[in-house]
């Protein structure tokens, strides 16, 4: 057996060990989320399982946690990792509003959102002020909060996993393998909470694999896991917390809306293709 073949075989063993640990560590929390009362604490625990799996894998392999790319990158990668997911989320909902798939929120629904955020009380703000302040507030404070949990995922997926895959696969292979794995890992939650299981599984796979191409690109370009942490958090916050409250669903068209909606899958897919072509052209 040649040295190169031996190294590839060892890499695949490391990948297998990591994925086995992810499954073992995540399973109890997936069970708790589905069988017990759903709680954010279970979601937070699930999101930190990839990091724990990476730490244990490194320990078993006699490697240091410090080998992960903890360094803070050039600020341009942080800015782009905020701007890109925010942009594709806004484009998604912009098309939803323009095409009449969903309606812009009314004053009453905006005020209700303001109440949930604690922006309504003494010296009550008007709907226009809430519509301006709320996205800024959620887009900063909530992104910071969300980063505490996306960090757990990204230490595992982008900090460790894709660098192991890179030893044996091309950029395309790394992005696809990681994306499919990442999507499958979400399945128990997706199946439990979906209203249209088959459709949402398809759109979810498209979204996650597309995001995998984007996040792999920025991770390799920056040589840091932090852009992926920010990217993941911003995408979650905009598509879950900011744009839905500004939108009123239309009956029988709800399958176009949200993070598992058709429109989001279309926009992220097009964005993912752009980054895939860009990476190929750059011989990444």
C-alpha atoms as a PDB file:
ATOM      1  CA  UNK A   1       0.000   0.000   0.000  1.00  0.00           C
ATOM      2  CA  UNK A   2       1.429   3.378  -1.015  1.00  0.00           C
ATOM      3  CA  UNK A   3       1.801   6.202   1.485  1.00  0.00           C
ATOM      4  CA  UNK A   4      -0.839   8.264  -0.356  1.00  0.00           C
ATOM      5  CA  UNK A   5      -3.354   5.401  -0.324  1.00  0.00           C
ATOM      6  CA  UNK A   6      -2.687   4.821   3.361  1.00  0.00           C
ATOM      7  CA  UNK A   7      -3.233   8.508   4.160  1.00  0.00           C
ATOM      8  CA  UNK A   8      -6.522   8.577   2.220  1.00  0.00           C
ATOM      9  CA  UNK A   9      -7.722   5.473   4.032  1.00  0.00           C
ATOM     10  CA  UNK A  10      -6.833   7.035   7.376  1.00  0.00           C
ATOM     11  CA  UNK A  11      -8.661  10.236   6.427  1.00  0.00           C
ATOM     12  CA  UNK A  12     -11.829   8.296   5.600  1.00  0.00           C
ATOM     13  CA  UNK A  13     -11.555   6.518   8.946  1.00  0.00           C
ATOM     14  CA  UNK A  14     -11.355   9.918  10.670  1.00  0.00           C
ATOM     15  CA  UNK A  15     -14.399  11.117   8.721  1.00  0.00           C
ATOM     16  CA  UNK A  16     -16.293   7.965   9.670  1.00  0.00           C
ATOM     17  CA  UNK A  17     -15.370   8.385  13.326  1.00  0.00           C
ATOM     18  CA  UNK A  18     -16.522  11.999  13.343  1.00  0.00           C
ATOM     19  CA  UNK A  19     -19.878  11.197  11.718  1.00  0.00           C
ATOM     20  CA  UNK A  20     -20.453   8.267  14.072  1.00  0.00           C
ATOM     21  CA  UNK A  21     -19.834  10.524  17.056  1.00  0.00           C
ATOM     22  CA  UNK A  22     -22.166  13.202  15.640  1.00  0.00           C
ATOM     23  CA  UNK A  23     -24.932  10.587  15.353  1.00  0.00           C
ATOM     24  CA  UNK A  24     -24.364   9.180  18.843  1.00  0.00           C
ATOM     25  CA  UNK A  25     -24.205  12.596  20.510  1.00  0.00           C
ATOM     26  CA  UNK A  26     -27.172  14.056  18.638  1.00  0.00           C
ATOM     27  CA  UNK A  27     -29.605  11.137  18.922  1.00  0.00           C
ATOM     28  CA  UNK A  28     -30.699  11.706  22.564  1.00  0.00           C
ATOM     29  CA  UNK A  29     -31.499  15.358  21.861  1.00  0.00           C
ATOM     30  CA  UNK A  30     -33.338  14.551  18.627  1.00  0.00           C
ATOM     31  CA  UNK A  31     -35.388  12.059  20.644  1.00  0.00           C
ATOM     32  CA  UNK A  32     -36.068  14.648  23.360  1.00  0.00           C
ATOM     33  CA  UNK A  33     -37.080  17.277  20.808  1.00  0.00           C
ATOM     34  CA  UNK A  34     -39.529  14.945  19.057  1.00  0.00           C
ATOM     35  CA  UNK A  35     -40.880  12.937  21.998  1.00  0.00           C
ATOM     36  CA  UNK A  36     -40.816  15.453  24.850  1.00  0.00           C
ATOM     37  CA  UNK A  37     -42.040  19.030  24.964  1.00  0.00           C
ATOM     38  CA  UNK A  38     -40.105  20.923  22.274  1.00  0.00           C
ATOM     39  CA  UNK A  39     -37.598  23.256  23.872  1.00  0.00           C
ATOM     40  CA  UNK A  40     -34.922  25.637  22.601  1.00  0.00           C
ATOM     41  CA  UNK A  41     -32.529  23.997  25.050  1.00  0.00           C
ATOM     42  CA  UNK A  42     -32.627  20.784  22.991  1.00  0.00           C
ATOM     43  CA  UNK A  43     -32.006  22.715  19.781  1.00  0.00           C
ATOM     44  CA  UNK A  44     -29.025  24.450  21.364  1.00  0.00           C
ATOM     45  CA  UNK A  45     -27.645  21.115  22.535  1.00  0.00           C
ATOM     46  CA  UNK A  46     -28.074  19.585  19.076  1.00  0.00           C
ATOM     47  CA  UNK A  47     -26.231  22.478  17.461  1.00  0.00           C
ATOM     48  CA  UNK A  48     -23.212  21.938  19.714  1.00  0.00           C
ATOM     49  CA  UNK A  49     -22.965  18.187  19.009  1.00  0.00           C
ATOM     50  CA  UNK A  50     -20.796  18.617  15.852  1.00  0.00           C
ATOM     51  CA  UNK A  51     -18.296  20.643  17.877  1.00  0.00           C
ATOM     52  CA  UNK A  52     -18.151  17.994  20.604  1.00  0.00           C
ATOM     53  CA  UNK A  53     -17.746  15.285  17.965  1.00  0.00           C
ATOM     54  CA  UNK A  54     -14.854  17.228  16.411  1.00  0.00           C
ATOM     55  CA  UNK A  55     -13.163  17.710  19.817  1.00  0.00           C
ATOM     56  CA  UNK A  56     -13.482  14.004  20.674  1.00  0.00           C
ATOM     57  CA  UNK A  57     -12.234  12.956  17.230  1.00  0.00           C
ATOM     58  CA  UNK A  58      -9.184  15.182  17.581  1.00  0.00           C
ATOM     59  CA  UNK A  59      -8.521  13.776  21.057  1.00  0.00           C
ATOM     60  CA  UNK A  60      -8.758  10.181  19.829  1.00  0.00           C
ATOM     61  CA  UNK A  61      -6.442  10.986  16.923  1.00  0.00           C
ATOM     62  CA  UNK A  62      -3.948  12.643  19.258  1.00  0.00           C
ATOM     63  CA  UNK A  63      -4.368  16.054  17.679  1.00  0.00           C
ATOM     64  CA  UNK A  64      -4.846  19.424  19.350  1.00  0.00           C
ATOM     65  CA  UNK A  65      -8.034  21.483  19.234  1.00  0.00           C
ATOM     66  CA  UNK A  66      -5.824  24.442  18.410  1.00  0.00           C
ATOM     67  CA  UNK A  67      -5.296  22.986  14.899  1.00  0.00           C
ATOM     68  CA  UNK A  68      -8.781  24.246  13.985  1.00  0.00           C
ATOM     69  CA  UNK A  69      -8.818  27.617  12.228  1.00  0.00           C
ATOM     70  CA  UNK A  70      -9.724  29.833  15.195  1.00  0.00           C
ATOM     71  CA  UNK A  71      -7.911  32.881  13.807  1.00  0.00           C
ATOM     72  CA  UNK A  72     -10.012  35.988  13.115  1.00  0.00           C
ATOM     73  CA  UNK A  73      -9.954  36.618   9.347  1.00  0.00           C
ATOM     74  CA  UNK A  74      -9.696  39.762   7.282  1.00  0.00           C
ATOM     75  CA  UNK A  75     -12.745  41.888   8.073  1.00  0.00           C
ATOM     76  CA  UNK A  76     -13.915  41.786   4.457  1.00  0.00           C
ATOM     77  CA  UNK A  77     -14.852  38.128   4.912  1.00  0.00           C
ATOM     78  CA  UNK A  78     -16.882  38.970   8.011  1.00  0.00           C
ATOM     79  CA  UNK A  79     -18.681  41.757   6.151  1.00  0.00           C
ATOM     80  CA  UNK A  80     -19.401  39.507   3.161  1.00  0.00           C
ATOM     81  CA  UNK A  81     -20.577  36.715   5.450  1.00  0.00           C
ATOM     82  CA  UNK A  82     -23.170  39.104   6.840  1.00  0.00           C
ATOM     83  CA  UNK A  83     -24.103  40.776   3.561  1.00  0.00           C
ATOM     84  CA  UNK A  84     -24.510  37.691   1.321  1.00  0.00           C
ATOM     85  CA  UNK A  85     -27.073  35.747   3.418  1.00  0.00           C
ATOM     86  CA  UNK A  86     -28.913  38.959   4.313  1.00  0.00           C
ATOM     87  CA  UNK A  87     -29.107  39.781   0.605  1.00  0.00           C
ATOM     88  CA  UNK A  88     -30.433  36.426  -0.571  1.00  0.00           C
ATOM     89  CA  UNK A  89     -33.038  36.449   2.209  1.00  0.00           C
ATOM     90  CA  UNK A  90     -34.200  39.967   1.278  1.00  0.00           C
ATOM     91  CA  UNK A  91     -34.300  39.035  -2.426  1.00  0.00           C
ATOM     92  CA  UNK A  92     -36.380  35.968  -1.528  1.00  0.00           C
ATOM     93  CA  UNK A  93     -39.015  37.969   0.310  1.00  0.00           C
ATOM     94  CA  UNK A  94     -38.804  40.869  -2.114  1.00  0.00           C
ATOM     95  CA  UNK A  95     -39.897  38.511  -4.885  1.00  0.00           C
ATOM     96  CA  UNK A  96     -42.603  37.062  -2.641  1.00  0.00           C
ATOM     97  CA  UNK A  97     -44.059  40.545  -2.104  1.00  0.00           C
ATOM     98  CA  UNK A  98     -43.696  41.672  -5.722  1.00  0.00           C
ATOM     99  CA  UNK A  99     -45.219  38.481  -7.147  1.00  0.00           C
ATOM    100  CA  UNK A 100     -48.105  38.559  -4.679  1.00  0.00           C
ATOM    101  CA  UNK A 101     -47.212  35.227  -3.098  1.00  0.00           C
ATOM    102  CA  UNK A 102     -47.320  36.940   0.286  1.00  0.00           C
ATOM    103  CA  UNK A 103     -48.432  40.391   1.395  1.00  0.00           C
ATOM    104  CA  UNK A 104     -46.503  43.040   3.278  1.00  0.00           C
ATOM    105  CA  UNK A 105     -47.444  43.205   6.930  1.00  0.00           C
ATOM    106  CA  UNK A 106     -50.216  45.512   8.051  1.00  0.00           C
ATOM    107  CA  UNK A 107     -49.788  48.169  10.731  1.00  0.00           C
ATOM    108  CA  UNK A 108     -51.510  45.885  13.252  1.00  0.00           C
ATOM    109  CA  UNK A 109     -49.161  42.978  12.609  1.00  0.00           C
ATOM    110  CA  UNK A 110     -46.120  45.259  12.790  1.00  0.00           C
ATOM    111  CA  UNK A 111     -47.323  46.645  16.130  1.00  0.00           C
ATOM    112  CA  UNK A 112     -47.787  43.063  17.344  1.00  0.00           C
ATOM    113  CA  UNK A 113     -44.198  42.310  16.340  1.00  0.00           C
ATOM    114  CA  UNK A 114     -43.108  45.445  18.206  1.00  0.00           C
ATOM    115  CA  UNK A 115     -44.921  44.215  21.318  1.00  0.00           C
ATOM    116  CA  UNK A 116     -43.119  40.865  21.126  1.00  0.00           C
ATOM    117  CA  UNK A 117     -39.789  42.713  20.947  1.00  0.00           C
ATOM    118  CA  UNK A 118     -40.667  45.081  23.782  1.00  0.00           C
ATOM    119  CA  UNK A 119     -40.803  48.125  21.529  1.00  0.00           C
ATOM    120  CA  UNK A 120     -44.373  49.024  22.458  1.00  0.00           C
ATOM    121  CA  UNK A 121     -45.190  50.638  25.784  1.00  0.00           C
ATOM    122  CA  UNK A 122     -44.771  54.113  27.175  1.00  0.00           C
ATOM    123  CA  UNK A 123     -44.022  56.476  24.341  1.00  0.00           C
ATOM    124  CA  UNK A 124     -45.301  53.877  21.891  1.00  0.00           C
ATOM    125  CA  UNK A 125     -43.558  53.832  18.512  1.00  0.00           C
ATOM    126  CA  UNK A 126     -45.609  54.036  15.346  1.00  0.00           C
ATOM    127  CA  UNK A 127     -45.616  51.108  12.879  1.00  0.00           C
ATOM    128  CA  UNK A 128     -43.139  52.806  10.538  1.00  0.00           C
ATOM    129  CA  UNK A 129     -40.618  53.310  13.350  1.00  0.00           C
ATOM    130  CA  UNK A 130     -41.055  49.696  14.478  1.00  0.00           C
ATOM    131  CA  UNK A 131     -40.559  48.448  10.899  1.00  0.00           C
ATOM    132  CA  UNK A 132     -37.232  50.300  10.830  1.00  0.00           C
ATOM    133  CA  UNK A 133     -35.960  49.690  14.368  1.00  0.00           C
ATOM    134  CA  UNK A 134     -37.008  46.046  14.747  1.00  0.00           C
ATOM    135  CA  UNK A 135     -34.963  44.663  11.818  1.00  0.00           C
ATOM    136  CA  UNK A 136     -31.904  46.636  12.971  1.00  0.00           C
ATOM    137  CA  UNK A 137     -32.321  45.377  16.536  1.00  0.00           C
ATOM    138  CA  UNK A 138     -32.919  41.762  15.543  1.00  0.00           C
ATOM    139  CA  UNK A 139     -30.261  41.925  12.828  1.00  0.00           C
ATOM    140  CA  UNK A 140     -27.592  42.834  15.394  1.00  0.00           C
ATOM    141  CA  UNK A 141     -28.497  41.583  18.877  1.00  0.00           C
ATOM    142  CA  UNK A 142     -30.207  38.404  17.667  1.00  0.00           C
ATOM    143  CA  UNK A 143     -27.356  37.616  15.266  1.00  0.00           C
ATOM    144  CA  UNK A 144     -24.892  37.825  18.162  1.00  0.00           C
ATOM    145  CA  UNK A 145     -27.098  35.540  20.249  1.00  0.00           C
ATOM    146  CA  UNK A 146     -27.606  33.102  17.356  1.00  0.00           C
ATOM    147  CA  UNK A 147     -23.843  32.968  16.769  1.00  0.00           C
ATOM    148  CA  UNK A 148     -23.431  31.269  20.149  1.00  0.00           C
ATOM    149  CA  UNK A 149     -25.261  28.214  18.811  1.00  0.00           C
ATOM    150  CA  UNK A 150     -24.148  28.324  15.171  1.00  0.00           C
ATOM    151  CA  UNK A 151     -20.593  28.333  16.519  1.00  0.00           C
ATOM    152  CA  UNK A 152     -21.193  24.784  17.771  1.00  0.00           C
ATOM    153  CA  UNK A 153     -22.253  23.589  14.346  1.00  0.00           C
ATOM    154  CA  UNK A 154     -19.530  25.430  12.485  1.00  0.00           C
ATOM    155  CA  UNK A 155     -16.686  24.193  14.673  1.00  0.00           C
ATOM    156  CA  UNK A 156     -17.739  20.727  13.551  1.00  0.00           C
ATOM    157  CA  UNK A 157     -18.855  21.175   9.946  1.00  0.00           C
ATOM    158  CA  UNK A 158     -16.675  23.987   8.636  1.00  0.00           C
ATOM    159  CA  UNK A 159     -13.930  24.065  11.269  1.00  0.00           C
ATOM    160  CA  UNK A 160     -13.144  20.339  11.131  1.00  0.00           C
ATOM    161  CA  UNK A 161     -15.222  18.271   8.701  1.00  0.00           C
ATOM    162  CA  UNK A 162     -14.626  20.096   5.415  1.00  0.00           C
ATOM    163  CA  UNK A 163     -10.864  20.198   6.050  1.00  0.00           C
ATOM    164  CA  UNK A 164     -10.829  16.415   6.409  1.00  0.00           C
ATOM    165  CA  UNK A 165     -12.930  16.068   3.267  1.00  0.00           C
ATOM    166  CA  UNK A 166     -10.566  18.415   1.427  1.00  0.00           C
ATOM    167  CA  UNK A 167      -7.800  15.835   1.830  1.00  0.00           C
ATOM    168  CA  UNK A 168      -9.683  13.359  -0.363  1.00  0.00           C
ATOM    169  CA  UNK A 169     -12.219  15.389  -2.407  1.00  0.00           C
ATOM    170  CA  UNK A 170     -12.382  18.408  -4.714  1.00  0.00           C
ATOM    171  CA  UNK A 171     -14.165  21.635  -3.727  1.00  0.00           C
ATOM    172  CA  UNK A 172     -17.324  20.343  -5.423  1.00  0.00           C
ATOM    173  CA  UNK A 173     -17.073  17.009  -3.640  1.00  0.00           C
ATOM    174  CA  UNK A 174     -16.417  18.658  -0.271  1.00  0.00           C
ATOM    175  CA  UNK A 175     -19.407  21.005  -0.633  1.00  0.00           C
ATOM    176  CA  UNK A 176     -21.772  18.248  -1.796  1.00  0.00           C
ATOM    177  CA  UNK A 177     -20.667  15.688   0.795  1.00  0.00           C
ATOM    178  CA  UNK A 178     -20.844  18.189   3.643  1.00  0.00           C
ATOM    179  CA  UNK A 179     -24.143  19.639   2.396  1.00  0.00           C
ATOM    180  CA  UNK A 180     -25.878  16.271   2.106  1.00  0.00           C
ATOM    181  CA  UNK A 181     -24.560  15.173   5.503  1.00  0.00           C
ATOM    182  CA  UNK A 182     -25.620  18.459   7.090  1.00  0.00           C
ATOM    183  CA  UNK A 183     -29.110  18.168   5.573  1.00  0.00           C
ATOM    184  CA  UNK A 184     -29.600  14.529   6.631  1.00  0.00           C
ATOM    185  CA  UNK A 185     -28.515  15.455  10.160  1.00  0.00           C
ATOM    186  CA  UNK A 186     -31.506  17.859  10.316  1.00  0.00           C
ATOM    187  CA  UNK A 187     -34.054  15.322   9.089  1.00  0.00           C
ATOM    188  CA  UNK A 188     -35.612  14.256  12.428  1.00  0.00           C
ATOM    189  CA  UNK A 189     -36.442  17.875  13.245  1.00  0.00           C
ATOM    190  CA  UNK A 190     -37.566  18.614   9.695  1.00  0.00           C
ATOM    191  CA  UNK A 191     -39.922  15.626   9.483  1.00  0.00           C
ATOM    192  CA  UNK A 192     -41.420  16.366  12.889  1.00  0.00           C
ATOM    193  CA  UNK A 193     -42.127  20.054  12.283  1.00  0.00           C
ATOM    194  CA  UNK A 194     -42.951  20.090   8.542  1.00  0.00           C
ATOM    195  CA  UNK A 195     -46.450  20.743   7.231  1.00  0.00           C
ATOM    196  CA  UNK A 196     -45.612  19.418   3.749  1.00  0.00           C
ATOM    197  CA  UNK A 197     -42.992  16.776   4.535  1.00  0.00           C
ATOM    198  CA  UNK A 198     -41.942  15.673   1.039  1.00  0.00           C
ATOM    199  CA  UNK A 199     -41.890  19.185  -0.432  1.00  0.00           C
ATOM    200  CA  UNK A 200     -40.037  20.668   2.546  1.00  0.00           C
ATOM    201  CA  UNK A 201     -37.478  17.859   2.553  1.00  0.00           C
ATOM    202  CA  UNK A 202     -36.719  18.629  -1.098  1.00  0.00           C
ATOM    203  CA  UNK A 203     -36.494  22.397  -0.615  1.00  0.00           C
ATOM    204  CA  UNK A 204     -34.508  21.980   2.595  1.00  0.00           C
ATOM    205  CA  UNK A 205     -31.934  19.791   0.852  1.00  0.00           C
ATOM    206  CA  UNK A 206     -31.578  22.361  -1.919  1.00  0.00           C
ATOM    207  CA  UNK A 207     -31.123  25.193   0.601  1.00  0.00           C
ATOM    208  CA  UNK A 208     -28.624  23.368   2.800  1.00  0.00           C
ATOM    209  CA  UNK A 209     -26.497  22.038  -0.067  1.00  0.00           C
ATOM    210  CA  UNK A 210     -26.486  25.492  -1.692  1.00  0.00           C
ATOM    211  CA  UNK A 211     -25.421  27.094   1.590  1.00  0.00           C
ATOM    212  CA  UNK A 212     -22.709  24.461   1.913  1.00  0.00           C
ATOM    213  CA  UNK A 213     -21.125  25.681  -1.339  1.00  0.00           C
ATOM    214  CA  UNK A 214     -21.218  29.313  -0.162  1.00  0.00           C
ATOM    215  CA  UNK A 215     -19.902  28.626   3.334  1.00  0.00           C
ATOM    216  CA  UNK A 216     -17.201  26.243   2.139  1.00  0.00           C
ATOM    217  CA  UNK A 217     -16.048  28.932  -0.272  1.00  0.00           C
ATOM    218  CA  UNK A 218     -15.717  31.590   2.428  1.00  0.00           C
ATOM    219  CA  UNK A 219     -14.144  29.178   4.908  1.00  0.00           C
ATOM    220  CA  UNK A 220     -11.395  28.184   2.493  1.00  0.00           C
ATOM    221  CA  UNK A 221     -10.891  31.764   1.259  1.00  0.00           C
ATOM    222  CA  UNK A 222     -10.539  33.167   4.780  1.00  0.00           C
ATOM    223  CA  UNK A 223      -8.823  30.148   6.391  1.00  0.00           C
ATOM    224  CA  UNK A 224     -11.102  30.753   9.353  1.00  0.00           C
ATOM    225  CA  UNK A 225     -14.276  29.205  10.771  1.00  0.00           C
ATOM    226  CA  UNK A 226     -15.699  32.593  11.862  1.00  0.00           C
ATOM    227  CA  UNK A 227     -17.175  33.675   8.501  1.00  0.00           C
ATOM    228  CA  UNK A 228     -19.238  30.464   8.486  1.00  0.00           C
ATOM    229  CA  UNK A 229     -20.444  31.187  12.040  1.00  0.00           C
ATOM    230  CA  UNK A 230     -21.620  34.671  11.033  1.00  0.00           C
ATOM    231  CA  UNK A 231     -23.033  33.486   7.703  1.00  0.00           C
ATOM    232  CA  UNK A 232     -25.078  30.736   9.375  1.00  0.00           C
ATOM    233  CA  UNK A 233     -26.392  33.021  12.115  1.00  0.00           C
ATOM    234  CA  UNK A 234     -27.380  35.827   9.722  1.00  0.00           C
ATOM    235  CA  UNK A 235     -29.149  33.434   7.363  1.00  0.00           C
ATOM    236  CA  UNK A 236     -31.136  31.908  10.234  1.00  0.00           C
ATOM    237  CA  UNK A 237     -32.080  35.261  11.753  1.00  0.00           C
ATOM    238  CA  UNK A 238     -33.176  36.943   8.528  1.00  0.00           C
ATOM    239  CA  UNK A 239     -35.193  34.020   7.179  1.00  0.00           C
ATOM    240  CA  UNK A 240     -36.710  33.063  10.554  1.00  0.00           C
ATOM    241  CA  UNK A 241     -36.920  36.240  12.640  1.00  0.00           C
ATOM    242  CA  UNK A 242     -36.927  39.367  10.465  1.00  0.00           C
ATOM    243  CA  UNK A 243     -38.702  38.798   7.152  1.00  0.00           C
ATOM    244  CA  UNK A 244     -41.599  36.506   8.211  1.00  0.00           C
ATOM    245  CA  UNK A 245     -43.024  39.091  10.679  1.00  0.00           C
ATOM    246  CA  UNK A 246     -43.044  41.610   7.820  1.00  0.00           C
ATOM    247  CA  UNK A 247     -45.097  39.235   5.675  1.00  0.00           C
ATOM    248  CA  UNK A 248     -48.703  38.056   5.783  1.00  0.00           C
ATOM    249  CA  UNK A 249     -49.125  34.591   4.240  1.00  0.00           C
ATOM    250  CA  UNK A 250     -51.777  34.035   1.571  1.00  0.00           C
ATOM    251  CA  UNK A 251     -53.880  30.893   1.855  1.00  0.00           C
ATOM    252  CA  UNK A 252     -52.607  27.946  -0.199  1.00  0.00           C
ATOM    253  CA  UNK A 253     -49.348  29.785  -0.971  1.00  0.00           C
ATOM    254  CA  UNK A 254     -47.576  29.265   2.350  1.00  0.00           C
ATOM    255  CA  UNK A 255     -45.338  26.610   0.772  1.00  0.00           C
ATOM    256  CA  UNK A 256     -43.522  29.432  -1.031  1.00  0.00           C
ATOM    257  CA  UNK A 257     -42.610  31.196   2.223  1.00  0.00           C
ATOM    258  CA  UNK A 258     -40.055  30.612   4.972  1.00  0.00           C
ATOM    259  CA  UNK A 259     -36.758  28.795   5.226  1.00  0.00           C
ATOM    260  CA  UNK A 260     -38.290  25.607   3.775  1.00  0.00           C
ATOM    261  CA  UNK A 261     -40.232  27.501   1.115  1.00  0.00           C
ATOM    262  CA  UNK A 262     -39.883  27.112  -2.640  1.00  0.00           C
ATOM    263  CA  UNK A 263     -38.732  30.699  -3.215  1.00  0.00           C
ATOM    264  CA  UNK A 264     -35.893  30.433  -0.705  1.00  0.00           C
ATOM    265  CA  UNK A 265     -34.752  27.183  -2.332  1.00  0.00           C
ATOM    266  CA  UNK A 266     -34.682  28.841  -5.761  1.00  0.00           C
ATOM    267  CA  UNK A 267     -32.706  31.886  -4.610  1.00  0.00           C
ATOM    268  CA  UNK A 268     -30.183  29.962  -2.510  1.00  0.00           C
ATOM    269  CA  UNK A 269     -29.690  27.451  -5.336  1.00  0.00           C
ATOM    270  CA  UNK A 270     -28.865  30.219  -7.815  1.00  0.00           C
ATOM    271  CA  UNK A 271     -26.513  31.816  -5.277  1.00  0.00           C
ATOM    272  CA  UNK A 272     -24.873  28.467  -4.562  1.00  0.00           C
ATOM    273  CA  UNK A 273     -24.291  27.866  -8.284  1.00  0.00           C
ATOM    274  CA  UNK A 274     -22.631  31.269  -8.530  1.00  0.00           C
ATOM    275  CA  UNK A 275     -20.194  30.416  -5.710  1.00  0.00           C
ATOM    276  CA  UNK A 276     -19.558  26.934  -7.120  1.00  0.00           C
ATOM    277  CA  UNK A 277     -18.586  28.415 -10.499  1.00  0.00           C
ATOM    278  CA  UNK A 278     -16.489  31.034  -8.770  1.00  0.00           C
ATOM    279  CA  UNK A 279     -14.594  28.398  -6.774  1.00  0.00           C
ATOM    280  CA  UNK A 280     -14.006  26.261  -9.871  1.00  0.00           C
ATOM    281  CA  UNK A 281     -12.687  29.276 -11.811  1.00  0.00           C
ATOM    282  CA  UNK A 282     -10.344  30.064  -8.922  1.00  0.00           C
ATOM    283  CA  UNK A 283      -9.109  26.436  -8.834  1.00  0.00           C
ATOM    284  CA  UNK A 284     -10.029  26.263  -5.170  1.00  0.00           C
END
